[in-house]
Amino acid sequence: MSPAAAARPAAAPPVPAPAPVPRSGTLDDRGVARREAVHAIAWRVRGTVKVTGEVDVGLARFAGAVSVGGPLTADRVAARGTLEVDGPVAVAGTLATDGTFRAGTTAGGRDVLAKGTTRVGGELSAVRGLTGRGTVEAAALRGSLVDLDGTIVVPGPITAGTLLAELAHGSRLGRVTARSATIRGKVPNVVEKVLQYPSEVHVDHVEADHVELAGVDVDFVRSPEVVLGRGAHVTTVEGTVVRRHPSATIGPRSRSPPPYGLRR
């Protein structure tokens, strides 16, 4: 052995990862409470609770305001009120929220039922059905059945077996990939058409075996079966338009602002 090798200090042994904390007992928080972490078989909240670390529970029922500083892992979550999680949310069963739900990174469950205002920093996903009602903002969506109704803003990919979307003004979708996609927005009235108001529901890209559109502005569609309903506009279509409403348009179009004084 060389003198240099002899002088080299021995490598420190790897530090073993801490053992996971098992779930035990049930918790019932009422009023205002603060916890470092939660590891329980069942956890019920009626009030305001702040958890600075992680949450790992079997059944979680929230009514009030719950804030989690770390990840949330559960078998089932039913939340009414406000649920804010800085880390990822992973639910083995149903994730149901009614009120305000915010996840800093990703959120998902076997089934997801989101009502009210939902904001997810990463992907919102469901193994089976993903239902969004109200306002949904996420980086991406994924589910076997994705059913949306409201103001939906998803700049990233939407991947679904079946997509059903009833979109309010201000909605915007990125790239949609599905077996079947039905996307409808608010059809402009006569005054809006005369004043050439731009469509407030926009979709970047749709690719599916069957596509139905109405009241939306889509940049690109690729499908062997395209149905263009009332007020639909598609800039580019690759495929076959099997049915087309007289008000539906295909191709580039330019818009000029209405004359001064006609828009309030």
C-alpha atoms as a PDB file:
ATOM      1  CA  MET A   1       0.000   0.000   0.000  1.00  0.00           C
ATOM      2  CA  SER A   2       1.348   3.429  -0.946  1.00  0.00           C
ATOM      3  CA  PRO A   3       1.864   6.084   1.768  1.00  0.00           C
ATOM      4  CA  ALA A   4      -0.865   8.239   0.122  1.00  0.00           C
ATOM      5  CA  ALA A   5      -3.367   5.366   0.263  1.00  0.00           C
ATOM      6  CA  ALA A   6      -2.488   4.652   3.853  1.00  0.00           C
ATOM      7  CA  ALA A   7      -3.113   8.286   4.809  1.00  0.00           C
ATOM      8  CA  ARG A   8      -6.521   8.456   3.097  1.00  0.00           C
ATOM      9  CA  PRO A   9      -9.325   8.291   5.722  1.00  0.00           C
ATOM     10  CA  ALA A  10     -11.797   5.409   5.491  1.00  0.00           C
ATOM     11  CA  ALA A  11     -15.192   6.235   3.963  1.00  0.00           C
ATOM     12  CA  ALA A  12     -17.961   6.721   6.476  1.00  0.00           C
ATOM     13  CA  PRO A  13     -20.638   4.012   6.429  1.00  0.00           C
ATOM     14  CA  PRO A  14     -23.965   5.090   4.861  1.00  0.00           C
ATOM     15  CA  VAL A  15     -26.516   6.481   7.236  1.00  0.00           C
ATOM     16  CA  PRO A  16     -29.633   4.258   7.218  1.00  0.00           C
ATOM     17  CA  ALA A  17     -32.918   5.948   6.358  1.00  0.00           C
ATOM     18  CA  PRO A  18     -35.215   6.454   9.309  1.00  0.00           C
ATOM     19  CA  ALA A  19     -37.910   3.824   9.681  1.00  0.00           C
ATOM     20  CA  PRO A  20     -41.393   5.042   8.719  1.00  0.00           C
ATOM     21  CA  VAL A  21     -43.629   5.948  11.608  1.00  0.00           C
ATOM     22  CA  PRO A  22     -46.562   3.504  11.733  1.00  0.00           C
ATOM     23  CA  ARG A  23     -50.145   4.724  11.829  1.00  0.00           C
ATOM     24  CA  SER A  24     -51.767   4.281  15.201  1.00  0.00           C
ATOM     25  CA  GLY A  25     -54.885   5.430  16.998  1.00  0.00           C
ATOM     26  CA  THR A  26     -57.458   8.028  16.019  1.00  0.00           C
ATOM     27  CA  LEU A  27     -57.342  11.811  16.339  1.00  0.00           C
ATOM     28  CA  ASP A  28     -60.240  14.215  16.769  1.00  0.00           C
ATOM     29  CA  ASP A  29     -59.211  17.884  16.560  1.00  0.00           C
ATOM     30  CA  ARG A  30     -61.759  20.566  17.387  1.00  0.00           C
ATOM     31  CA  GLY A  31     -61.189  24.278  17.498  1.00  0.00           C
ATOM     32  CA  VAL A  32     -57.623  25.467  16.867  1.00  0.00           C
ATOM     33  CA  ALA A  33     -54.700  23.025  17.011  1.00  0.00           C
ATOM     34  CA  ARG A  34     -51.094  22.739  15.886  1.00  0.00           C
ATOM     35  CA  ARG A  35     -49.156  19.521  15.325  1.00  0.00           C
ATOM     36  CA  GLU A  36     -45.669  18.613  14.135  1.00  0.00           C
ATOM     37  CA  ALA A  37     -46.873  15.535  12.226  1.00  0.00           C
ATOM     38  CA  VAL A  38     -49.830  13.176  12.040  1.00  0.00           C
ATOM     39  CA  HIS A  39     -49.620   9.364  11.751  1.00  0.00           C
ATOM     40  CA  ALA A  40     -53.050   7.965  12.531  1.00  0.00           C
ATOM     41  CA  ILE A  41     -55.524   5.343  11.419  1.00  0.00           C
ATOM     42  CA  ALA A  42     -58.239   8.005  11.336  1.00  0.00           C
ATOM     43  CA  TRP A  43     -58.105  11.784  11.721  1.00  0.00           C
ATOM     44  CA  ARG A  44     -61.092  14.079  12.056  1.00  0.00           C
ATOM     45  CA  VAL A  45     -60.862  17.864  12.072  1.00  0.00           C
ATOM     46  CA  ARG A  46     -63.594  20.345  12.951  1.00  0.00           C
ATOM     47  CA  GLY A  47     -61.881  23.692  13.160  1.00  0.00           C
ATOM     48  CA  THR A  48     -58.456  25.029  12.196  1.00  0.00           C
ATOM     49  CA  VAL A  49     -55.374  22.809  12.298  1.00  0.00           C
ATOM     50  CA  LYS A  50     -51.820  23.489  11.143  1.00  0.00           C
ATOM     51  CA  VAL A  51     -49.361  20.605  10.687  1.00  0.00           C
ATOM     52  CA  THR A  52     -45.750  21.660  10.149  1.00  0.00           C
ATOM     53  CA  GLY A  53     -44.561  18.257   8.887  1.00  0.00           C
ATOM     54  CA  GLU A  54     -46.037  15.240   7.135  1.00  0.00           C
ATOM     55  CA  VAL A  55     -49.456  13.619   7.381  1.00  0.00           C
ATOM     56  CA  ASP A  56     -49.930   9.851   6.906  1.00  0.00           C
ATOM     57  CA  VAL A  57     -53.424   8.627   7.758  1.00  0.00           C
ATOM     58  CA  GLY A  58     -55.996   6.033   6.839  1.00  0.00           C
ATOM     59  CA  LEU A  59     -59.238   8.032   6.758  1.00  0.00           C
ATOM     60  CA  ALA A  60     -59.139  11.845   6.907  1.00  0.00           C
ATOM     61  CA  ARG A  61     -62.315  13.916   7.378  1.00  0.00           C
ATOM     62  CA  PHE A  62     -61.860  17.679   7.452  1.00  0.00           C
ATOM     63  CA  ALA A  63     -64.419  20.407   8.110  1.00  0.00           C
ATOM     64  CA  GLY A  64     -62.763  23.782   8.487  1.00  0.00           C
ATOM     65  CA  ALA A  65     -59.222  24.785   7.566  1.00  0.00           C
ATOM     66  CA  VAL A  66     -56.287  22.357   7.430  1.00  0.00           C
ATOM     67  CA  SER A  67     -52.737  23.342   6.490  1.00  0.00           C
ATOM     68  CA  VAL A  68     -49.992  20.747   5.951  1.00  0.00           C
ATOM     69  CA  GLY A  69     -46.356  21.774   5.571  1.00  0.00           C
ATOM     70  CA  GLY A  70     -45.138  18.422   4.199  1.00  0.00           C
ATOM     71  CA  PRO A  71     -46.633  15.614   2.118  1.00  0.00           C
ATOM     72  CA  LEU A  72     -50.091  14.178   2.713  1.00  0.00           C
ATOM     73  CA  THR A  73     -50.574  10.429   2.270  1.00  0.00           C
ATOM     74  CA  ALA A  74     -53.918   8.776   2.978  1.00  0.00           C
ATOM     75  CA  ASP A  75     -56.256   5.947   2.098  1.00  0.00           C
ATOM     76  CA  ARG A  76     -59.172   8.371   1.781  1.00  0.00           C
ATOM     77  CA  VAL A  77     -59.682  12.124   2.160  1.00  0.00           C
ATOM     78  CA  ALA A  78     -62.973  14.027   2.463  1.00  0.00           C
ATOM     79  CA  ALA A  79     -62.410  17.759   2.976  1.00  0.00           C
ATOM     80  CA  ARG A  80     -64.955  20.567   3.305  1.00  0.00           C
ATOM     81  CA  GLY A  81     -63.617  24.071   3.711  1.00  0.00           C
ATOM     82  CA  THR A  82     -59.943  24.757   3.048  1.00  0.00           C
ATOM     83  CA  LEU A  83     -57.170  22.205   2.573  1.00  0.00           C
ATOM     84  CA  GLU A  84     -53.679  23.479   1.758  1.00  0.00           C
ATOM     85  CA  VAL A  85     -50.734  21.104   1.348  1.00  0.00           C
ATOM     86  CA  ASP A  86     -47.232  22.323   0.528  1.00  0.00           C
ATOM     87  CA  GLY A  87     -46.007  18.861  -0.497  1.00  0.00           C
ATOM     88  CA  PRO A  88     -47.475  16.157  -2.715  1.00  0.00           C
ATOM     89  CA  VAL A  89     -50.883  14.615  -2.031  1.00  0.00           C
ATOM     90  CA  ALA A  90     -51.212  10.853  -2.615  1.00  0.00           C
ATOM     91  CA  VAL A  91     -54.526   9.138  -1.822  1.00  0.00           C
ATOM     92  CA  ALA A  92     -55.018   5.410  -2.393  1.00  0.00           C
ATOM     93  CA  GLY A  93     -58.800   5.745  -2.585  1.00  0.00           C
ATOM     94  CA  THR A  94     -61.017   8.795  -3.078  1.00  0.00           C
ATOM     95  CA  LEU A  95     -59.794  12.364  -2.750  1.00  0.00           C
ATOM     96  CA  ALA A  96     -62.888  14.558  -2.340  1.00  0.00           C
ATOM     97  CA  THR A  97     -62.660  18.300  -1.726  1.00  0.00           C
ATOM     98  CA  ASP A  98     -65.452  20.868  -1.450  1.00  0.00           C
ATOM     99  CA  GLY A  99     -64.271  24.432  -0.977  1.00  0.00           C
ATOM    100  CA  THR A 100     -60.651  25.495  -1.510  1.00  0.00           C
ATOM    101  CA  PHE A 101     -57.974  22.908  -2.213  1.00  0.00           C
ATOM    102  CA  ARG A 102     -54.358  23.797  -2.915  1.00  0.00           C
ATOM    103  CA  ALA A 103     -51.439  21.410  -3.445  1.00  0.00           C
ATOM    104  CA  GLY A 104     -47.952  22.788  -3.945  1.00  0.00           C
ATOM    105  CA  THR A 105     -46.703  19.952  -6.154  1.00  0.00           C
ATOM    106  CA  THR A 106     -48.775  16.977  -7.349  1.00  0.00           C
ATOM    107  CA  ALA A 107     -52.093  15.551  -6.180  1.00  0.00           C
ATOM    108  CA  GLY A 108     -53.850  12.321  -7.052  1.00  0.00           C
ATOM    109  CA  GLY A 109     -56.076   9.463  -6.002  1.00  0.00           C
ATOM    110  CA  ARG A 110     -57.953   6.509  -7.386  1.00  0.00           C
ATOM    111  CA  ASP A 111     -60.895   8.896  -7.845  1.00  0.00           C
ATOM    112  CA  VAL A 112     -60.761  12.684  -7.492  1.00  0.00           C
ATOM    113  CA  LEU A 113     -63.832  14.846  -6.840  1.00  0.00           C
ATOM    114  CA  ALA A 114     -62.899  18.535  -6.684  1.00  0.00           C
ATOM    115  CA  LYS A 115     -65.575  21.197  -6.119  1.00  0.00           C
ATOM    116  CA  GLY A 116     -64.985  24.883  -5.579  1.00  0.00           C
ATOM    117  CA  THR A 117     -61.493  26.251  -6.187  1.00  0.00           C
ATOM    118  CA  THR A 118     -58.697  23.780  -6.921  1.00  0.00           C
ATOM    119  CA  ARG A 119     -55.103  24.826  -7.568  1.00  0.00           C
ATOM    120  CA  VAL A 120     -52.337  22.239  -8.043  1.00  0.00           C
ATOM    121  CA  GLY A 121     -48.761  23.229  -8.815  1.00  0.00           C
ATOM    122  CA  GLY A 122     -48.044  19.972 -10.673  1.00  0.00           C
ATOM    123  CA  GLU A 123     -50.224  17.258 -12.165  1.00  0.00           C
ATOM    124  CA  LEU A 124     -53.693  16.495 -10.806  1.00  0.00           C
ATOM    125  CA  SER A 125     -54.399  12.839 -11.571  1.00  0.00           C
ATOM    126  CA  ALA A 126     -56.862  10.013 -10.977  1.00  0.00           C
ATOM    127  CA  VAL A 127     -56.556   6.314 -11.747  1.00  0.00           C
ATOM    128  CA  ARG A 128     -60.248   6.214 -12.640  1.00  0.00           C
ATOM    129  CA  GLY A 129     -62.439   9.328 -12.604  1.00  0.00           C
ATOM    130  CA  LEU A 130     -61.342  12.946 -12.204  1.00  0.00           C
ATOM    131  CA  THR A 131     -64.226  15.378 -11.725  1.00  0.00           C
ATOM    132  CA  GLY A 132     -63.653  19.132 -11.477  1.00  0.00           C
ATOM    133  CA  ARG A 133     -66.411  21.627 -10.721  1.00  0.00           C
ATOM    134  CA  GLY A 134     -65.811  25.360 -10.347  1.00  0.00           C
ATOM    135  CA  THR A 135     -62.270  26.643 -10.852  1.00  0.00           C
ATOM    136  CA  VAL A 136     -59.485  24.181 -11.617  1.00  0.00           C
ATOM    137  CA  GLU A 137     -55.904  25.315 -12.214  1.00  0.00           C
ATOM    138  CA  ALA A 138     -53.187  22.692 -12.618  1.00  0.00           C
ATOM    139  CA  ALA A 139     -50.019  22.148 -14.594  1.00  0.00           C
ATOM    140  CA  ALA A 140     -51.482  18.947 -16.103  1.00  0.00           C
ATOM    141  CA  LEU A 141     -54.442  16.570 -15.766  1.00  0.00           C
ATOM    142  CA  ARG A 142     -54.638  12.803 -16.117  1.00  0.00           C
ATOM    143  CA  GLY A 143     -57.459  10.293 -15.663  1.00  0.00           C
ATOM    144  CA  SER A 144     -59.438   7.513 -17.285  1.00  0.00           C
ATOM    145  CA  LEU A 145     -62.502   9.788 -17.281  1.00  0.00           C
ATOM    146  CA  VAL A 146     -61.880  13.528 -16.945  1.00  0.00           C
ATOM    147  CA  ASP A 147     -65.122  15.477 -16.405  1.00  0.00           C
ATOM    148  CA  LEU A 148     -64.748  19.264 -16.109  1.00  0.00           C
ATOM    149  CA  ASP A 149     -67.283  22.061 -15.669  1.00  0.00           C
ATOM    150  CA  GLY A 150     -66.248  25.631 -14.948  1.00  0.00           C
ATOM    151  CA  THR A 151     -63.209  27.838 -15.403  1.00  0.00           C
ATOM    152  CA  ILE A 152     -60.381  25.451 -16.249  1.00  0.00           C
ATOM    153  CA  VAL A 153     -56.791  26.573 -16.804  1.00  0.00           C
ATOM    154  CA  VAL A 154     -54.358  23.766 -17.649  1.00  0.00           C
ATOM    155  CA  PRO A 155     -51.393  24.909 -19.763  1.00  0.00           C
ATOM    156  CA  GLY A 156     -49.787  21.460 -19.830  1.00  0.00           C
ATOM    157  CA  PRO A 157     -50.972  18.085 -21.123  1.00  0.00           C
ATOM    158  CA  ILE A 158     -54.408  16.619 -20.450  1.00  0.00           C
ATOM    159  CA  THR A 159     -54.359  12.844 -20.875  1.00  0.00           C
ATOM    160  CA  ALA A 160     -57.648  10.947 -20.666  1.00  0.00           C
ATOM    161  CA  GLY A 161     -59.567   7.996 -21.940  1.00  0.00           C
ATOM    162  CA  THR A 162     -62.649  10.222 -22.172  1.00  0.00           C
ATOM    163  CA  LEU A 163     -62.654  14.002 -21.744  1.00  0.00           C
ATOM    164  CA  LEU A 164     -65.919  15.877 -21.112  1.00  0.00           C
ATOM    165  CA  ALA A 165     -65.400  19.614 -20.681  1.00  0.00           C
ATOM    166  CA  GLU A 166     -67.968  22.404 -20.273  1.00  0.00           C
ATOM    167  CA  LEU A 167     -65.755  25.467 -20.133  1.00  0.00           C
ATOM    168  CA  ALA A 168     -66.544  28.949 -18.825  1.00  0.00           C
ATOM    169  CA  HIS A 169     -64.996  32.204 -20.075  1.00  0.00           C
ATOM    170  CA  GLY A 170     -61.310  32.451 -19.268  1.00  0.00           C
ATOM    171  CA  SER A 171     -60.621  28.744 -19.668  1.00  0.00           C
ATOM    172  CA  ARG A 172     -57.509  27.600 -21.476  1.00  0.00           C
ATOM    173  CA  LEU A 173     -56.288  24.075 -22.183  1.00  0.00           C
ATOM    174  CA  GLY A 174     -52.928  22.948 -23.510  1.00  0.00           C
ATOM    175  CA  ARG A 175     -52.459  19.664 -25.335  1.00  0.00           C
ATOM    176  CA  VAL A 176     -55.375  17.218 -25.072  1.00  0.00           C
ATOM    177  CA  THR A 177     -54.783  13.532 -25.814  1.00  0.00           C
ATOM    178  CA  ALA A 178     -57.732  11.155 -25.435  1.00  0.00           C
ATOM    179  CA  ARG A 179     -59.762   8.413 -27.056  1.00  0.00           C
ATOM    180  CA  SER A 180     -62.808  10.694 -27.041  1.00  0.00           C
ATOM    181  CA  ALA A 181     -62.840  14.436 -26.371  1.00  0.00           C
ATOM    182  CA  THR A 182     -65.925  16.650 -26.077  1.00  0.00           C
ATOM    183  CA  ILE A 183     -65.115  20.299 -25.375  1.00  0.00           C
ATOM    184  CA  ARG A 184     -67.777  22.994 -25.229  1.00  0.00           C
ATOM    185  CA  GLY A 185     -67.583  26.660 -24.365  1.00  0.00           C
ATOM    186  CA  LYS A 186     -69.995  29.572 -24.214  1.00  0.00           C
ATOM    187  CA  VAL A 187     -71.229  30.418 -27.702  1.00  0.00           C
ATOM    188  CA  PRO A 188     -70.987  34.203 -28.359  1.00  0.00           C
ATOM    189  CA  ASN A 189     -74.233  36.072 -28.830  1.00  0.00           C
ATOM    190  CA  VAL A 190     -75.076  38.311 -31.801  1.00  0.00           C
ATOM    191  CA  VAL A 191     -73.577  41.468 -30.257  1.00  0.00           C
ATOM    192  CA  GLU A 192     -70.333  39.698 -29.390  1.00  0.00           C
ATOM    193  CA  LYS A 193     -70.083  38.398 -32.947  1.00  0.00           C
ATOM    194  CA  VAL A 194     -70.634  41.869 -34.453  1.00  0.00           C
ATOM    195  CA  LEU A 195     -68.026  43.405 -32.173  1.00  0.00           C
ATOM    196  CA  GLN A 196     -65.654  40.526 -32.958  1.00  0.00           C
ATOM    197  CA  TYR A 197     -64.935  39.698 -29.366  1.00  0.00           C
ATOM    198  CA  PRO A 198     -62.170  37.101 -29.178  1.00  0.00           C
ATOM    199  CA  SER A 199     -63.112  33.666 -27.922  1.00  0.00           C
ATOM    200  CA  GLU A 200     -62.466  33.402 -24.201  1.00  0.00           C
ATOM    201  CA  VAL A 201     -62.133  29.617 -24.338  1.00  0.00           C
ATOM    202  CA  HIS A 202     -58.968  28.470 -26.069  1.00  0.00           C
ATOM    203  CA  VAL A 203     -57.398  25.041 -26.634  1.00  0.00           C
ATOM    204  CA  ASP A 204     -53.919  24.597 -28.094  1.00  0.00           C
ATOM    205  CA  HIS A 205     -54.075  21.040 -29.430  1.00  0.00           C
ATOM    206  CA  VAL A 206     -56.575  18.160 -29.493  1.00  0.00           C
ATOM    207  CA  GLU A 207     -55.730  14.638 -30.615  1.00  0.00           C
ATOM    208  CA  ALA A 208     -58.322  11.866 -30.210  1.00  0.00           C
ATOM    209  CA  ASP A 209     -60.197   9.138 -32.048  1.00  0.00           C
ATOM    210  CA  HIS A 210     -63.377  11.210 -31.764  1.00  0.00           C
ATOM    211  CA  VAL A 211     -63.573  14.980 -31.211  1.00  0.00           C
ATOM    212  CA  GLU A 212     -66.612  17.195 -30.621  1.00  0.00           C
ATOM    213  CA  LEU A 213     -66.185  20.961 -30.285  1.00  0.00           C
ATOM    214  CA  ALA A 214     -68.575  23.859 -29.720  1.00  0.00           C
ATOM    215  CA  GLY A 215     -67.983  27.465 -28.695  1.00  0.00           C
ATOM    216  CA  VAL A 216     -64.196  27.040 -28.450  1.00  0.00           C
ATOM    217  CA  ASP A 217     -61.174  28.292 -30.374  1.00  0.00           C
ATOM    218  CA  VAL A 218     -58.703  25.476 -31.124  1.00  0.00           C
ATOM    219  CA  ASP A 219     -55.336  25.844 -32.829  1.00  0.00           C
ATOM    220  CA  PHE A 220     -54.938  22.259 -34.057  1.00  0.00           C
ATOM    221  CA  VAL A 221     -57.082  19.113 -34.199  1.00  0.00           C
ATOM    222  CA  ARG A 222     -56.028  15.647 -35.336  1.00  0.00           C
ATOM    223  CA  SER A 223     -58.777  13.010 -35.465  1.00  0.00           C
ATOM    224  CA  PRO A 224     -60.493  10.659 -37.920  1.00  0.00           C
ATOM    225  CA  GLU A 225     -63.883  11.956 -36.645  1.00  0.00           C
ATOM    226  CA  VAL A 226     -64.398  15.653 -35.972  1.00  0.00           C
ATOM    227  CA  VAL A 227     -67.755  17.196 -35.113  1.00  0.00           C
ATOM    228  CA  LEU A 228     -67.808  21.012 -35.171  1.00  0.00           C
ATOM    229  CA  GLY A 229     -70.760  22.418 -33.311  1.00  0.00           C
ATOM    230  CA  ARG A 230     -72.100  25.926 -33.008  1.00  0.00           C
ATOM    231  CA  GLY A 231     -69.452  28.619 -32.685  1.00  0.00           C
ATOM    232  CA  ALA A 232     -66.460  26.288 -32.971  1.00  0.00           C
ATOM    233  CA  HIS A 233     -63.322  27.549 -34.687  1.00  0.00           C
ATOM    234  CA  VAL A 234     -60.324  25.398 -35.601  1.00  0.00           C
ATOM    235  CA  THR A 235     -57.260  26.843 -37.288  1.00  0.00           C
ATOM    236  CA  THR A 236     -55.933  23.515 -38.613  1.00  0.00           C
ATOM    237  CA  VAL A 237     -57.671  20.142 -38.926  1.00  0.00           C
ATOM    238  CA  GLU A 238     -55.925  16.888 -39.797  1.00  0.00           C
ATOM    239  CA  GLY A 239     -58.643  14.295 -40.279  1.00  0.00           C
ATOM    240  CA  THR A 240     -62.258  14.163 -41.364  1.00  0.00           C
ATOM    241  CA  VAL A 241     -64.965  16.616 -40.365  1.00  0.00           C
ATOM    242  CA  VAL A 242     -68.040  14.368 -40.252  1.00  0.00           C
ATOM    243  CA  ARG A 243     -70.480  17.091 -39.169  1.00  0.00           C
ATOM    244  CA  ARG A 244     -70.246  20.875 -39.128  1.00  0.00           C
ATOM    245  CA  HIS A 245     -72.595  23.580 -37.870  1.00  0.00           C
ATOM    246  CA  PRO A 246     -73.074  26.536 -40.256  1.00  0.00           C
ATOM    247  CA  SER A 247     -71.499  28.863 -37.684  1.00  0.00           C
ATOM    248  CA  ALA A 248     -68.367  26.707 -37.269  1.00  0.00           C
ATOM    249  CA  THR A 249     -65.231  27.897 -39.065  1.00  0.00           C
ATOM    250  CA  ILE A 250     -61.964  26.335 -40.151  1.00  0.00           C
ATOM    251  CA  GLY A 251     -58.758  28.173 -41.022  1.00  0.00           C
ATOM    252  CA  PRO A 252     -56.797  31.216 -39.836  1.00  0.00           C
ATOM    253  CA  ARG A 253     -58.752  34.315 -38.974  1.00  0.00           C
ATOM    254  CA  SER A 254     -57.730  37.804 -38.016  1.00  0.00           C
ATOM    255  CA  ARG A 255     -59.437  40.024 -35.520  1.00  0.00           C
ATOM    256  CA  SER A 256     -59.450  43.806 -35.362  1.00  0.00           C
ATOM    257  CA  PRO A 257     -60.481  45.726 -32.265  1.00  0.00           C
ATOM    258  CA  PRO A 258     -64.011  47.165 -32.312  1.00  0.00           C
ATOM    259  CA  PRO A 259     -64.433  50.886 -32.996  1.00  0.00           C
ATOM    260  CA  TYR A 260     -63.716  53.196 -30.074  1.00  0.00           C
ATOM    261  CA  GLY A 261     -66.662  53.571 -27.735  1.00  0.00           C
ATOM    262  CA  LEU A 262     -68.377  50.268 -28.614  1.00  0.00           C
ATOM    263  CA  ARG A 263     -66.722  48.249 -25.857  1.00  0.00           C
ATOM    264  CA  ARG A 264     -67.385  49.012 -22.236  1.00  0.00           C
END
